[in-house]
Amino acid sequence: MEDQLTAAIAAQLRETAATLRALSEDDGLHATLAQVAQACIAALTHGNKILFAGNGGSAADAQHLAGELVSRFGYDRPGLAAFALTTDTSVLTAIGNDYGYEQLFARQVEAVGRPGDILIAISTSGRSPNVLNALRVARDRRLVTVGLTGRSGGHMPPLCDYCLRAPADSTPRIQECHISLGHTLCFLIEQALYPRT
């Protein structure tokens, strides 16, 4: 039994390593992430904010990345304006009850999104209706729209100014790429706005 478990562990970690290797070698994706970082840095410099949205594991990633910016990523520095649209249970249940789950994030973008803000929308499939609706509202309100999704992109690319597609098809591998990309983005923002001396 232990041999089976260790073999399964090794296989999973090899799969993760291969996916992250592909991510590390995707020059086009790196160029897009650099553009996203520049957009986020410009937004924060001009008093705008970054909004994150996603469902399930992607909701956890949204909260994780917002926390890295508001608190700290690599070192102490002033907090940065970032918010996960996944955390206020009263707002979430009110919108779900009154307007339906598909409007969960769109309604919040409508309420707090301002021109020049950034919406980072996370969906491994690229087909989550509430995430797609949030992107539509963000576009209408002149937010910068960023998508984090999987290899196919689903329906997200036409709704995004920048679409970061993980080089994977399985949800766990896509999510591993998303947190790596998110951490890299936090690193770039932190270094640019508050460089270590």
N, C-alpha and C. Protein backbone atom coordinates (compact mmCIF):
# COMPACT_ATOMS: atom_id res chain seq x y z
N MET A 1 0.82 -1.21 0.00
CA MET A 1 0.00 0.00 0.00
C MET A 1 0.86 1.27 0.00
N GLU A 2 1.91 1.27 0.84
CA GLU A 2 2.77 2.45 0.90
C GLU A 2 3.47 2.68 -0.44
N ASP A 3 3.87 1.59 -1.12
CA ASP A 3 4.51 1.74 -2.44
C ASP A 3 3.55 2.37 -3.44
N GLN A 4 2.28 1.97 -3.39
CA GLN A 4 1.27 2.55 -4.30
C GLN A 4 1.11 4.04 -4.03
N LEU A 5 1.08 4.40 -2.75
CA LEU A 5 0.92 5.81 -2.39
C LEU A 5 2.11 6.64 -2.84
N THR A 6 3.30 6.14 -2.59
CA THR A 6 4.48 6.92 -2.98
C THR A 6 4.59 7.02 -4.50
N ALA A 7 4.17 5.97 -5.21
CA ALA A 7 4.17 6.03 -6.67
C ALA A 7 3.16 7.08 -7.16
N ALA A 8 1.99 7.12 -6.53
CA ALA A 8 0.97 8.11 -6.90
C ALA A 8 1.45 9.52 -6.60
N ILE A 9 2.11 9.70 -5.46
CA ILE A 9 2.66 11.01 -5.11
C ILE A 9 3.67 11.46 -6.15
N ALA A 10 4.58 10.57 -6.50
CA ALA A 10 5.62 10.92 -7.48
C ALA A 10 5.00 11.28 -8.83
N ALA A 11 3.97 10.52 -9.23
CA ALA A 11 3.32 10.79 -10.52
C ALA A 11 2.63 12.15 -10.51
N GLN A 12 1.95 12.47 -9.42
CA GLN A 12 1.28 13.77 -9.32
C GLN A 12 2.30 14.91 -9.37
N LEU A 13 3.38 14.76 -8.64
CA LEU A 13 4.38 15.83 -8.59
C LEU A 13 5.11 15.97 -9.94
N ARG A 14 5.30 14.86 -10.64
CA ARG A 14 5.90 14.95 -11.98
C ARG A 14 4.97 15.72 -12.92
N GLU A 15 3.66 15.45 -12.81
CA GLU A 15 2.69 16.14 -13.66
C GLU A 15 2.69 17.63 -13.35
N THR A 16 2.72 17.97 -12.07
CA THR A 16 2.79 19.38 -11.68
C THR A 16 4.06 20.02 -12.22
N ALA A 17 5.19 19.36 -12.05
CA ALA A 17 6.47 19.91 -12.50
C ALA A 17 6.47 20.13 -14.01
N ALA A 18 5.90 19.17 -14.76
CA ALA A 18 5.85 19.32 -16.22
C ALA A 18 4.99 20.51 -16.62
N THR A 19 3.87 20.71 -15.93
CA THR A 19 2.99 21.84 -16.24
C THR A 19 3.68 23.15 -15.91
N LEU A 20 4.31 23.23 -14.75
CA LEU A 20 5.00 24.46 -14.37
C LEU A 20 6.20 24.72 -15.27
N ARG A 21 6.83 23.66 -15.78
CA ARG A 21 7.91 23.85 -16.75
C ARG A 21 7.36 24.49 -18.02
N ALA A 22 6.22 23.98 -18.49
CA ALA A 22 5.60 24.58 -19.68
C ALA A 22 5.24 26.04 -19.43
N LEU A 23 4.74 26.33 -18.23
CA LEU A 23 4.41 27.70 -17.86
C LEU A 23 5.66 28.58 -17.89
N SER A 24 6.77 28.06 -17.38
CA SER A 24 8.01 28.83 -17.30
C SER A 24 8.64 29.08 -18.66
N GLU A 25 8.22 28.31 -19.67
CA GLU A 25 8.81 28.43 -21.01
C GLU A 25 7.89 29.13 -22.01
N ASP A 26 6.74 29.62 -21.56
CA ASP A 26 5.75 30.24 -22.45
C ASP A 26 6.01 31.74 -22.56
N ASP A 27 6.82 32.14 -23.52
CA ASP A 27 7.21 33.54 -23.66
C ASP A 27 6.01 34.46 -23.91
N GLY A 28 5.04 33.99 -24.67
CA GLY A 28 3.85 34.80 -24.93
C GLY A 28 3.08 35.09 -23.66
N LEU A 29 2.94 34.08 -22.82
CA LEU A 29 2.26 34.25 -21.54
C LEU A 29 3.04 35.21 -20.65
N HIS A 30 4.37 35.11 -20.66
CA HIS A 30 5.19 36.01 -19.85
C HIS A 30 4.99 37.45 -20.29
N ALA A 31 4.92 37.68 -21.61
CA ALA A 31 4.72 39.04 -22.12
C ALA A 31 3.36 39.57 -21.68
N THR A 32 2.34 38.72 -21.73
CA THR A 32 1.01 39.15 -21.29
C THR A 32 1.00 39.46 -19.80
N LEU A 33 1.65 38.62 -19.00
CA LEU A 33 1.71 38.87 -17.56
C LEU A 33 2.44 40.18 -17.27
N ALA A 34 3.47 40.48 -18.03
CA ALA A 34 4.17 41.76 -17.85
C ALA A 34 3.23 42.93 -18.12
N GLN A 35 2.37 42.80 -19.13
CA GLN A 35 1.41 43.85 -19.43
C GLN A 35 0.37 43.98 -18.31
N VAL A 36 -0.05 42.85 -17.76
CA VAL A 36 -0.99 42.88 -16.64
C VAL A 36 -0.34 43.58 -15.45
N ALA A 37 0.91 43.25 -15.16
CA ALA A 37 1.61 43.90 -14.05
C ALA A 37 1.69 45.40 -14.27
N GLN A 38 2.01 45.82 -15.48
CA GLN A 38 2.09 47.25 -15.77
C GLN A 38 0.74 47.92 -15.57
N ALA A 39 -0.33 47.26 -15.99
CA ALA A 39 -1.68 47.82 -15.82
C ALA A 39 -2.03 47.94 -14.34
N CYS A 40 -1.69 46.91 -13.55
CA CYS A 40 -1.98 46.94 -12.11
C CYS A 40 -1.16 48.03 -11.41
N ILE A 41 0.09 48.15 -11.77
CA ILE A 41 0.96 49.17 -11.17
C ILE A 41 0.42 50.56 -11.50
N ALA A 42 0.01 50.78 -12.74
CA ALA A 42 -0.55 52.08 -13.13
C ALA A 42 -1.84 52.36 -12.37
N ALA A 43 -2.70 51.36 -12.26
CA ALA A 43 -3.97 51.54 -11.56
C ALA A 43 -3.74 51.93 -10.10
N LEU A 44 -2.89 51.19 -9.42
CA LEU A 44 -2.62 51.46 -8.00
C LEU A 44 -1.94 52.82 -7.81
N THR A 45 -1.06 53.18 -8.73
CA THR A 45 -0.37 54.47 -8.67
C THR A 45 -1.36 55.63 -8.77
N HIS A 46 -2.42 55.42 -9.55
CA HIS A 46 -3.41 56.48 -9.77
C HIS A 46 -4.61 56.40 -8.83
N GLY A 47 -4.49 55.62 -7.76
CA GLY A 47 -5.55 55.57 -6.76
C GLY A 47 -6.68 54.62 -7.08
N ASN A 48 -6.48 53.75 -8.07
CA ASN A 48 -7.50 52.75 -8.39
C ASN A 48 -7.25 51.48 -7.58
N LYS A 49 -8.07 50.48 -7.82
CA LYS A 49 -8.00 49.24 -7.03
C LYS A 49 -8.06 48.03 -7.94
N ILE A 50 -7.71 46.89 -7.35
CA ILE A 50 -7.77 45.61 -8.05
C ILE A 50 -8.85 44.77 -7.40
N LEU A 51 -9.78 44.27 -8.21
CA LEU A 51 -10.85 43.39 -7.76
C LEU A 51 -10.58 41.98 -8.27
N PHE A 52 -10.87 40.99 -7.44
CA PHE A 52 -10.69 39.59 -7.81
C PHE A 52 -12.03 38.86 -7.69
N ALA A 53 -12.29 37.93 -8.61
CA ALA A 53 -13.52 37.14 -8.53
C ALA A 53 -13.26 35.74 -9.05
N GLY A 54 -13.94 34.75 -8.45
CA GLY A 54 -13.85 33.37 -8.89
C GLY A 54 -14.71 32.49 -8.01
N ASN A 55 -14.96 31.28 -8.45
CA ASN A 55 -15.80 30.31 -7.72
C ASN A 55 -14.95 29.17 -7.17
N GLY A 56 -15.35 28.62 -6.03
CA GLY A 56 -14.69 27.43 -5.49
C GLY A 56 -13.22 27.66 -5.22
N GLY A 57 -12.36 26.80 -5.80
CA GLY A 57 -10.93 26.98 -5.64
C GLY A 57 -10.46 28.32 -6.16
N SER A 58 -11.12 28.81 -7.20
CA SER A 58 -10.76 30.13 -7.75
C SER A 58 -11.17 31.25 -6.80
N ALA A 59 -12.23 31.04 -6.01
CA ALA A 59 -12.59 32.00 -4.96
C ALA A 59 -11.48 32.05 -3.92
N ALA A 60 -10.97 30.88 -3.56
CA ALA A 60 -9.86 30.83 -2.60
C ALA A 60 -8.64 31.55 -3.15
N ASP A 61 -8.36 31.37 -4.44
CA ASP A 61 -7.24 32.07 -5.06
C ASP A 61 -7.47 33.58 -5.06
N ALA A 62 -8.71 34.01 -5.33
CA ALA A 62 -9.04 35.43 -5.32
C ALA A 62 -8.74 36.03 -3.95
N GLN A 63 -9.18 35.35 -2.90
CA GLN A 63 -8.94 35.83 -1.54
C GLN A 63 -7.46 35.80 -1.19
N HIS A 64 -6.79 34.74 -1.60
CA HIS A 64 -5.35 34.59 -1.35
C HIS A 64 -4.59 35.77 -1.95
N LEU A 65 -4.84 36.06 -3.21
CA LEU A 65 -4.07 37.10 -3.90
C LEU A 65 -4.41 38.48 -3.39
N ALA A 66 -5.68 38.73 -3.09
CA ALA A 66 -6.04 40.02 -2.48
C ALA A 66 -5.32 40.19 -1.16
N GLY A 67 -5.26 39.12 -0.38
CA GLY A 67 -4.56 39.18 0.90
C GLY A 67 -3.09 39.47 0.76
N GLU A 68 -2.46 38.91 -0.26
CA GLU A 68 -1.02 39.16 -0.49
C GLU A 68 -0.77 40.65 -0.76
N LEU A 69 -1.71 41.30 -1.45
CA LEU A 69 -1.53 42.72 -1.79
C LEU A 69 -1.89 43.63 -0.63
N VAL A 70 -2.99 43.34 0.04
CA VAL A 70 -3.41 44.19 1.15
C VAL A 70 -2.44 44.09 2.32
N SER A 71 -2.01 42.88 2.64
CA SER A 71 -1.10 42.68 3.77
C SER A 71 0.35 42.82 3.32
N ARG A 72 0.94 41.74 2.82
CA ARG A 72 2.31 41.77 2.33
C ARG A 72 2.53 40.53 1.49
N PHE A 73 3.44 40.62 0.56
CA PHE A 73 3.83 39.45 -0.20
C PHE A 73 5.20 38.98 0.28
N GLY A 74 6.24 39.75 -0.02
CA GLY A 74 7.59 39.33 0.34
C GLY A 74 8.18 40.06 1.53
N TYR A 75 7.67 41.26 1.81
CA TYR A 75 8.27 42.07 2.87
C TYR A 75 7.29 43.17 3.28
N ASP A 76 7.61 43.84 4.39
CA ASP A 76 6.75 44.90 4.90
C ASP A 76 6.77 46.10 3.97
N ARG A 77 5.58 46.65 3.73
CA ARG A 77 5.41 47.88 2.95
C ARG A 77 3.95 48.30 3.15
N PRO A 78 3.56 49.51 2.70
CA PRO A 78 2.17 49.92 2.86
C PRO A 78 1.21 48.98 2.12
N GLY A 79 -0.01 48.90 2.63
CA GLY A 79 -1.01 48.04 1.99
C GLY A 79 -1.45 48.57 0.64
N LEU A 80 -1.88 47.67 -0.22
CA LEU A 80 -2.32 48.01 -1.57
C LEU A 80 -3.82 47.71 -1.71
N ALA A 81 -4.51 48.49 -2.51
CA ALA A 81 -5.97 48.42 -2.62
C ALA A 81 -6.40 47.23 -3.49
N ALA A 82 -6.72 46.13 -2.82
CA ALA A 82 -7.16 44.92 -3.51
C ALA A 82 -8.31 44.31 -2.72
N PHE A 83 -9.32 43.79 -3.44
CA PHE A 83 -10.51 43.26 -2.80
C PHE A 83 -10.98 42.00 -3.52
N ALA A 84 -11.31 40.98 -2.75
CA ALA A 84 -11.93 39.78 -3.32
C ALA A 84 -13.44 39.94 -3.22
N LEU A 85 -14.13 39.71 -4.32
CA LEU A 85 -15.59 39.86 -4.35
C LEU A 85 -16.29 38.56 -3.92
N THR A 86 -15.60 37.79 -3.10
CA THR A 86 -16.08 36.45 -2.72
C THR A 86 -16.30 36.31 -1.22
N THR A 87 -16.19 37.40 -0.47
CA THR A 87 -16.03 37.26 0.98
C THR A 87 -17.20 37.76 1.82
N ASP A 88 -18.02 38.66 1.33
CA ASP A 88 -19.08 39.25 2.15
C ASP A 88 -20.35 38.40 2.02
N THR A 89 -20.62 37.58 3.03
CA THR A 89 -21.74 36.64 2.92
C THR A 89 -23.09 37.34 2.82
N SER A 90 -23.24 38.48 3.45
CA SER A 90 -24.51 39.20 3.35
C SER A 90 -24.74 39.69 1.92
N VAL A 91 -23.70 40.25 1.32
CA VAL A 91 -23.80 40.71 -0.07
C VAL A 91 -24.02 39.53 -1.00
N LEU A 92 -23.24 38.46 -0.83
CA LEU A 92 -23.35 37.30 -1.71
C LEU A 92 -24.74 36.67 -1.64
N THR A 93 -25.27 36.51 -0.44
CA THR A 93 -26.58 35.87 -0.31
C THR A 93 -27.70 36.79 -0.76
N ALA A 94 -27.55 38.10 -0.56
CA ALA A 94 -28.57 39.04 -1.04
C ALA A 94 -28.63 39.02 -2.57
N ILE A 95 -27.48 39.11 -3.20
CA ILE A 95 -27.47 39.10 -4.68
C ILE A 95 -27.96 37.77 -5.20
N GLY A 96 -27.48 36.67 -4.61
CA GLY A 96 -27.94 35.35 -5.04
C GLY A 96 -29.43 35.20 -4.92
N ASN A 97 -29.98 35.68 -3.83
CA ASN A 97 -31.43 35.57 -3.59
C ASN A 97 -32.23 36.50 -4.49
N ASP A 98 -31.78 37.75 -4.63
CA ASP A 98 -32.56 38.76 -5.34
C ASP A 98 -32.36 38.74 -6.85
N TYR A 99 -31.16 38.40 -7.29
CA TYR A 99 -30.86 38.51 -8.72
C TYR A 99 -30.38 37.20 -9.35
N GLY A 100 -30.00 36.23 -8.53
CA GLY A 100 -29.51 34.96 -9.06
C GLY A 100 -28.00 34.87 -8.99
N TYR A 101 -27.52 33.63 -8.89
CA TYR A 101 -26.09 33.39 -8.72
C TYR A 101 -25.27 33.93 -9.89
N GLU A 102 -25.87 33.97 -11.07
CA GLU A 102 -25.12 34.43 -12.24
C GLU A 102 -24.76 35.91 -12.16
N GLN A 103 -25.42 36.65 -11.26
CA GLN A 103 -25.13 38.08 -11.11
C GLN A 103 -24.25 38.39 -9.89
N LEU A 104 -23.75 37.34 -9.26
CA LEU A 104 -23.03 37.48 -7.99
C LEU A 104 -21.90 38.50 -8.04
N PHE A 105 -21.09 38.45 -9.08
CA PHE A 105 -19.94 39.35 -9.18
C PHE A 105 -20.26 40.58 -10.01
N ALA A 106 -21.13 40.46 -11.00
CA ALA A 106 -21.47 41.59 -11.85
C ALA A 106 -22.08 42.72 -11.03
N ARG A 107 -22.97 42.36 -10.11
CA ARG A 107 -23.61 43.37 -9.28
C ARG A 107 -22.59 44.11 -8.41
N GLN A 108 -21.62 43.38 -7.90
CA GLN A 108 -20.58 44.02 -7.08
C GLN A 108 -19.67 44.92 -7.92
N VAL A 109 -19.34 44.48 -9.13
CA VAL A 109 -18.54 45.33 -10.02
C VAL A 109 -19.32 46.61 -10.34
N GLU A 110 -20.61 46.45 -10.56
CA GLU A 110 -21.47 47.60 -10.82
C GLU A 110 -21.45 48.57 -9.64
N ALA A 111 -21.43 48.03 -8.42
CA ALA A 111 -21.48 48.87 -7.22
C ALA A 111 -20.17 49.57 -6.92
N VAL A 112 -19.04 48.87 -7.08
CA VAL A 112 -17.77 49.43 -6.61
C VAL A 112 -16.73 49.65 -7.71
N GLY A 113 -16.94 49.12 -8.90
CA GLY A 113 -15.96 49.27 -9.96
C GLY A 113 -15.98 50.67 -10.55
N ARG A 114 -14.81 51.21 -10.77
CA ARG A 114 -14.66 52.54 -11.34
C ARG A 114 -13.72 52.47 -12.54
N PRO A 115 -13.88 53.39 -13.51
CA PRO A 115 -12.95 53.39 -14.64
C PRO A 115 -11.50 53.41 -14.16
N GLY A 116 -10.69 52.55 -14.74
CA GLY A 116 -9.29 52.47 -14.36
C GLY A 116 -8.99 51.40 -13.33
N ASP A 117 -10.03 50.88 -12.65
CA ASP A 117 -9.83 49.74 -11.76
C ASP A 117 -9.49 48.51 -12.60
N ILE A 118 -9.01 47.48 -11.95
CA ILE A 118 -8.68 46.21 -12.59
C ILE A 118 -9.63 45.14 -12.06
N LEU A 119 -10.20 44.34 -12.94
CA LEU A 119 -10.91 43.12 -12.52
C LEU A 119 -10.09 41.92 -12.97
N ILE A 120 -9.66 41.11 -12.01
CA ILE A 120 -9.00 39.85 -12.32
C ILE A 120 -10.01 38.74 -12.07
N ALA A 121 -10.48 38.15 -13.16
CA ALA A 121 -11.55 37.15 -13.12
C ALA A 121 -10.92 35.77 -13.33
N ILE A 122 -11.21 34.85 -12.41
CA ILE A 122 -10.55 33.55 -12.41
C ILE A 122 -11.59 32.45 -12.67
N SER A 123 -11.36 31.66 -13.71
CA SER A 123 -12.24 30.54 -14.03
C SER A 123 -11.42 29.48 -14.76
N THR A 124 -11.27 28.31 -14.16
CA THR A 124 -10.44 27.28 -14.81
C THR A 124 -11.02 26.87 -16.16
N SER A 125 -12.34 26.85 -16.28
CA SER A 125 -12.98 26.45 -17.54
C SER A 125 -13.14 27.61 -18.51
N GLY A 126 -13.19 28.83 -17.97
CA GLY A 126 -13.49 29.99 -18.80
C GLY A 126 -14.95 30.07 -19.17
N ARG A 127 -15.79 29.32 -18.47
CA ARG A 127 -17.21 29.28 -18.82
C ARG A 127 -18.15 29.57 -17.64
N SER A 128 -17.63 30.06 -16.52
CA SER A 128 -18.47 30.33 -15.36
C SER A 128 -19.35 31.55 -15.64
N PRO A 129 -20.69 31.39 -15.66
CA PRO A 129 -21.56 32.51 -16.03
C PRO A 129 -21.38 33.75 -15.16
N ASN A 130 -21.21 33.56 -13.86
CA ASN A 130 -21.09 34.76 -13.00
C ASN A 130 -19.78 35.49 -13.24
N VAL A 131 -18.73 34.77 -13.59
CA VAL A 131 -17.45 35.40 -13.91
C VAL A 131 -17.54 36.12 -15.25
N LEU A 132 -18.16 35.49 -16.23
CA LEU A 132 -18.32 36.12 -17.55
C LEU A 132 -19.18 37.38 -17.45
N ASN A 133 -20.25 37.34 -16.65
CA ASN A 133 -21.09 38.52 -16.48
C ASN A 133 -20.32 39.66 -15.81
N ALA A 134 -19.47 39.31 -14.86
CA ALA A 134 -18.65 40.35 -14.21
C ALA A 134 -17.72 41.01 -15.22
N LEU A 135 -17.14 40.22 -16.11
CA LEU A 135 -16.27 40.78 -17.14
C LEU A 135 -17.05 41.71 -18.07
N ARG A 136 -18.27 41.33 -18.41
CA ARG A 136 -19.09 42.19 -19.29
C ARG A 136 -19.38 43.54 -18.63
N VAL A 137 -19.77 43.50 -17.36
CA VAL A 137 -20.05 44.75 -16.65
C VAL A 137 -18.77 45.58 -16.51
N ALA A 138 -17.67 44.91 -16.21
CA ALA A 138 -16.39 45.62 -16.07
C ALA A 138 -16.02 46.32 -17.37
N ARG A 139 -16.22 45.64 -18.48
CA ARG A 139 -15.95 46.25 -19.78
C ARG A 139 -16.81 47.50 -19.99
N ASP A 140 -18.11 47.38 -19.69
CA ASP A 140 -19.03 48.50 -19.86
C ASP A 140 -18.63 49.69 -19.00
N ARG A 141 -18.04 49.39 -17.84
CA ARG A 141 -17.68 50.46 -16.89
C ARG A 141 -16.23 50.90 -17.04
N ARG A 142 -15.57 50.41 -18.07
CA ARG A 142 -14.21 50.82 -18.41
C ARG A 142 -13.17 50.44 -17.36
N LEU A 143 -13.37 49.25 -16.77
CA LEU A 143 -12.31 48.65 -15.97
C LEU A 143 -11.37 47.91 -16.92
N VAL A 144 -10.16 47.68 -16.50
CA VAL A 144 -9.24 46.81 -17.23
C VAL A 144 -9.60 45.38 -16.84
N THR A 145 -9.82 44.52 -17.83
CA THR A 145 -10.28 43.16 -17.56
C THR A 145 -9.16 42.15 -17.81
N VAL A 146 -8.93 41.31 -16.80
CA VAL A 146 -7.89 40.28 -16.86
C VAL A 146 -8.54 38.93 -16.58
N GLY A 147 -8.26 37.95 -17.40
CA GLY A 147 -8.77 36.60 -17.19
C GLY A 147 -7.65 35.64 -16.85
N LEU A 148 -7.91 34.79 -15.87
CA LEU A 148 -7.04 33.65 -15.57
C LEU A 148 -7.85 32.40 -15.84
N THR A 149 -7.39 31.58 -16.78
CA THR A 149 -8.18 30.42 -17.19
C THR A 149 -7.26 29.30 -17.65
N GLY A 150 -7.84 28.29 -18.29
CA GLY A 150 -7.08 27.15 -18.76
C GLY A 150 -6.70 27.28 -20.23
N ARG A 151 -6.17 26.22 -20.78
CA ARG A 151 -5.62 26.24 -22.13
C ARG A 151 -6.62 26.72 -23.18
N SER A 152 -7.87 26.26 -23.10
CA SER A 152 -8.85 26.60 -24.14
C SER A 152 -9.34 28.04 -24.02
N GLY A 153 -9.34 28.56 -22.81
CA GLY A 153 -9.84 29.92 -22.59
C GLY A 153 -11.34 29.99 -22.42
N GLY A 154 -12.07 28.96 -22.87
CA GLY A 154 -13.52 28.99 -22.78
C GLY A 154 -14.07 30.21 -23.49
N HIS A 155 -14.97 30.94 -22.81
CA HIS A 155 -15.59 32.13 -23.39
C HIS A 155 -14.93 33.42 -22.91
N MET A 156 -13.83 33.31 -22.18
CA MET A 156 -13.24 34.50 -21.56
C MET A 156 -12.45 35.41 -22.50
N PRO A 157 -11.66 34.89 -23.44
CA PRO A 157 -10.75 35.77 -24.18
C PRO A 157 -11.39 37.01 -24.81
N PRO A 158 -12.57 36.92 -25.44
CA PRO A 158 -13.11 38.14 -26.04
C PRO A 158 -13.53 39.20 -25.03
N LEU A 159 -13.69 38.79 -23.77
CA LEU A 159 -14.12 39.72 -22.72
C LEU A 159 -12.96 40.31 -21.93
N CYS A 160 -11.74 39.90 -22.28
CA CYS A 160 -10.56 40.28 -21.49
C CYS A 160 -9.62 41.17 -22.29
N ASP A 161 -9.12 42.20 -21.63
CA ASP A 161 -8.03 42.96 -22.22
C ASP A 161 -6.76 42.12 -22.23
N TYR A 162 -6.62 41.30 -21.20
CA TYR A 162 -5.48 40.38 -21.09
C TYR A 162 -6.00 39.04 -20.60
N CYS A 163 -5.66 37.98 -21.29
CA CYS A 163 -6.11 36.65 -20.89
C CYS A 163 -4.89 35.75 -20.68
N LEU A 164 -4.75 35.26 -19.46
CA LEU A 164 -3.64 34.39 -19.09
C LEU A 164 -4.15 32.96 -19.06
N ARG A 165 -3.76 32.16 -20.05
CA ARG A 165 -4.23 30.78 -20.18
C ARG A 165 -3.16 29.82 -19.69
N ALA A 166 -3.47 29.11 -18.63
CA ALA A 166 -2.54 28.10 -18.13
C ALA A 166 -2.36 27.00 -19.17
N PRO A 167 -1.14 26.49 -19.36
CA PRO A 167 -0.90 25.44 -20.35
C PRO A 167 -1.31 24.06 -19.82
N ALA A 168 -2.60 23.94 -19.50
CA ALA A 168 -3.12 22.70 -18.91
C ALA A 168 -4.61 22.61 -19.18
N ASP A 169 -5.12 21.38 -19.06
CA ASP A 169 -6.55 21.13 -19.25
C ASP A 169 -7.24 20.66 -17.97
N SER A 170 -6.49 20.06 -17.05
CA SER A 170 -7.10 19.55 -15.82
C SER A 170 -7.17 20.67 -14.78
N THR A 171 -8.26 20.68 -14.03
CA THR A 171 -8.49 21.74 -13.05
C THR A 171 -7.34 21.88 -12.04
N PRO A 172 -6.85 20.79 -11.42
CA PRO A 172 -5.77 20.97 -10.45
C PRO A 172 -4.52 21.60 -11.04
N ARG A 173 -4.14 21.18 -12.26
CA ARG A 173 -2.94 21.74 -12.88
C ARG A 173 -3.17 23.22 -13.24
N ILE A 174 -4.36 23.56 -13.71
CA ILE A 174 -4.67 24.96 -14.03
C ILE A 174 -4.57 25.81 -12.77
N GLN A 175 -5.13 25.31 -11.67
CA GLN A 175 -5.10 26.06 -10.42
C GLN A 175 -3.68 26.26 -9.92
N GLU A 176 -2.83 25.26 -10.10
CA GLU A 176 -1.43 25.40 -9.70
C GLU A 176 -0.74 26.50 -10.51
N CYS A 177 -1.07 26.57 -11.79
CA CYS A 177 -0.53 27.65 -12.63
C CYS A 177 -1.06 29.00 -12.18
N HIS A 178 -2.35 29.05 -11.86
CA HIS A 178 -2.94 30.33 -11.47
C HIS A 178 -2.27 30.92 -10.23
N ILE A 179 -2.02 30.08 -9.24
CA ILE A 179 -1.40 30.64 -8.03
C ILE A 179 0.05 31.03 -8.31
N SER A 180 0.73 30.31 -9.20
CA SER A 180 2.10 30.71 -9.58
C SER A 180 2.10 32.04 -10.32
N LEU A 181 1.16 32.19 -11.25
CA LEU A 181 1.05 33.46 -11.97
C LEU A 181 0.65 34.59 -11.02
N GLY A 182 -0.28 34.29 -10.11
CA GLY A 182 -0.72 35.31 -9.15
C GLY A 182 0.40 35.75 -8.23
N HIS A 183 1.18 34.80 -7.75
CA HIS A 183 2.32 35.15 -6.90
C HIS A 183 3.34 35.98 -7.66
N THR A 184 3.57 35.63 -8.91
CA THR A 184 4.51 36.41 -9.72
C THR A 184 4.00 37.83 -9.91
N LEU A 185 2.69 37.95 -10.16
CA LEU A 185 2.10 39.29 -10.30
C LEU A 185 2.26 40.10 -9.02
N CYS A 186 1.99 39.50 -7.88
CA CYS A 186 2.17 40.20 -6.59
C CYS A 186 3.61 40.64 -6.40
N PHE A 187 4.54 39.77 -6.75
CA PHE A 187 5.97 40.09 -6.66
C PHE A 187 6.29 41.32 -7.51
N LEU A 188 5.82 41.34 -8.76
CA LEU A 188 6.12 42.44 -9.67
C LEU A 188 5.52 43.74 -9.17
N ILE A 189 4.29 43.69 -8.68
CA ILE A 189 3.63 44.91 -8.17
C ILE A 189 4.38 45.45 -6.96
N GLU A 190 4.68 44.57 -6.03
CA GLU A 190 5.35 44.98 -4.80
C GLU A 190 6.72 45.59 -5.10
N GLN A 191 7.49 44.93 -5.97
CA GLN A 191 8.83 45.42 -6.32
C GLN A 191 8.77 46.77 -7.01
N ALA A 192 7.76 46.98 -7.86
CA ALA A 192 7.67 48.23 -8.61
C ALA A 192 7.23 49.39 -7.73
N LEU A 193 6.25 49.15 -6.86
CA LEU A 193 5.70 50.23 -6.07
C LEU A 193 6.50 50.53 -4.80
N TYR A 194 7.08 49.49 -4.24
CA TYR A 194 7.85 49.65 -3.00
C TYR A 194 9.15 48.85 -3.11
N PRO A 195 10.07 49.30 -3.98
CA PRO A 195 11.30 48.53 -4.18
C PRO A 195 12.12 48.46 -2.89
N ARG A 196 12.69 47.30 -2.68
CA ARG A 196 13.56 47.12 -1.52
C ARG A 196 14.88 47.83 -1.77
N THR A 197 15.32 48.58 -0.78
CA THR A 197 16.59 49.31 -0.95
C THR A 197 17.71 48.56 -0.26
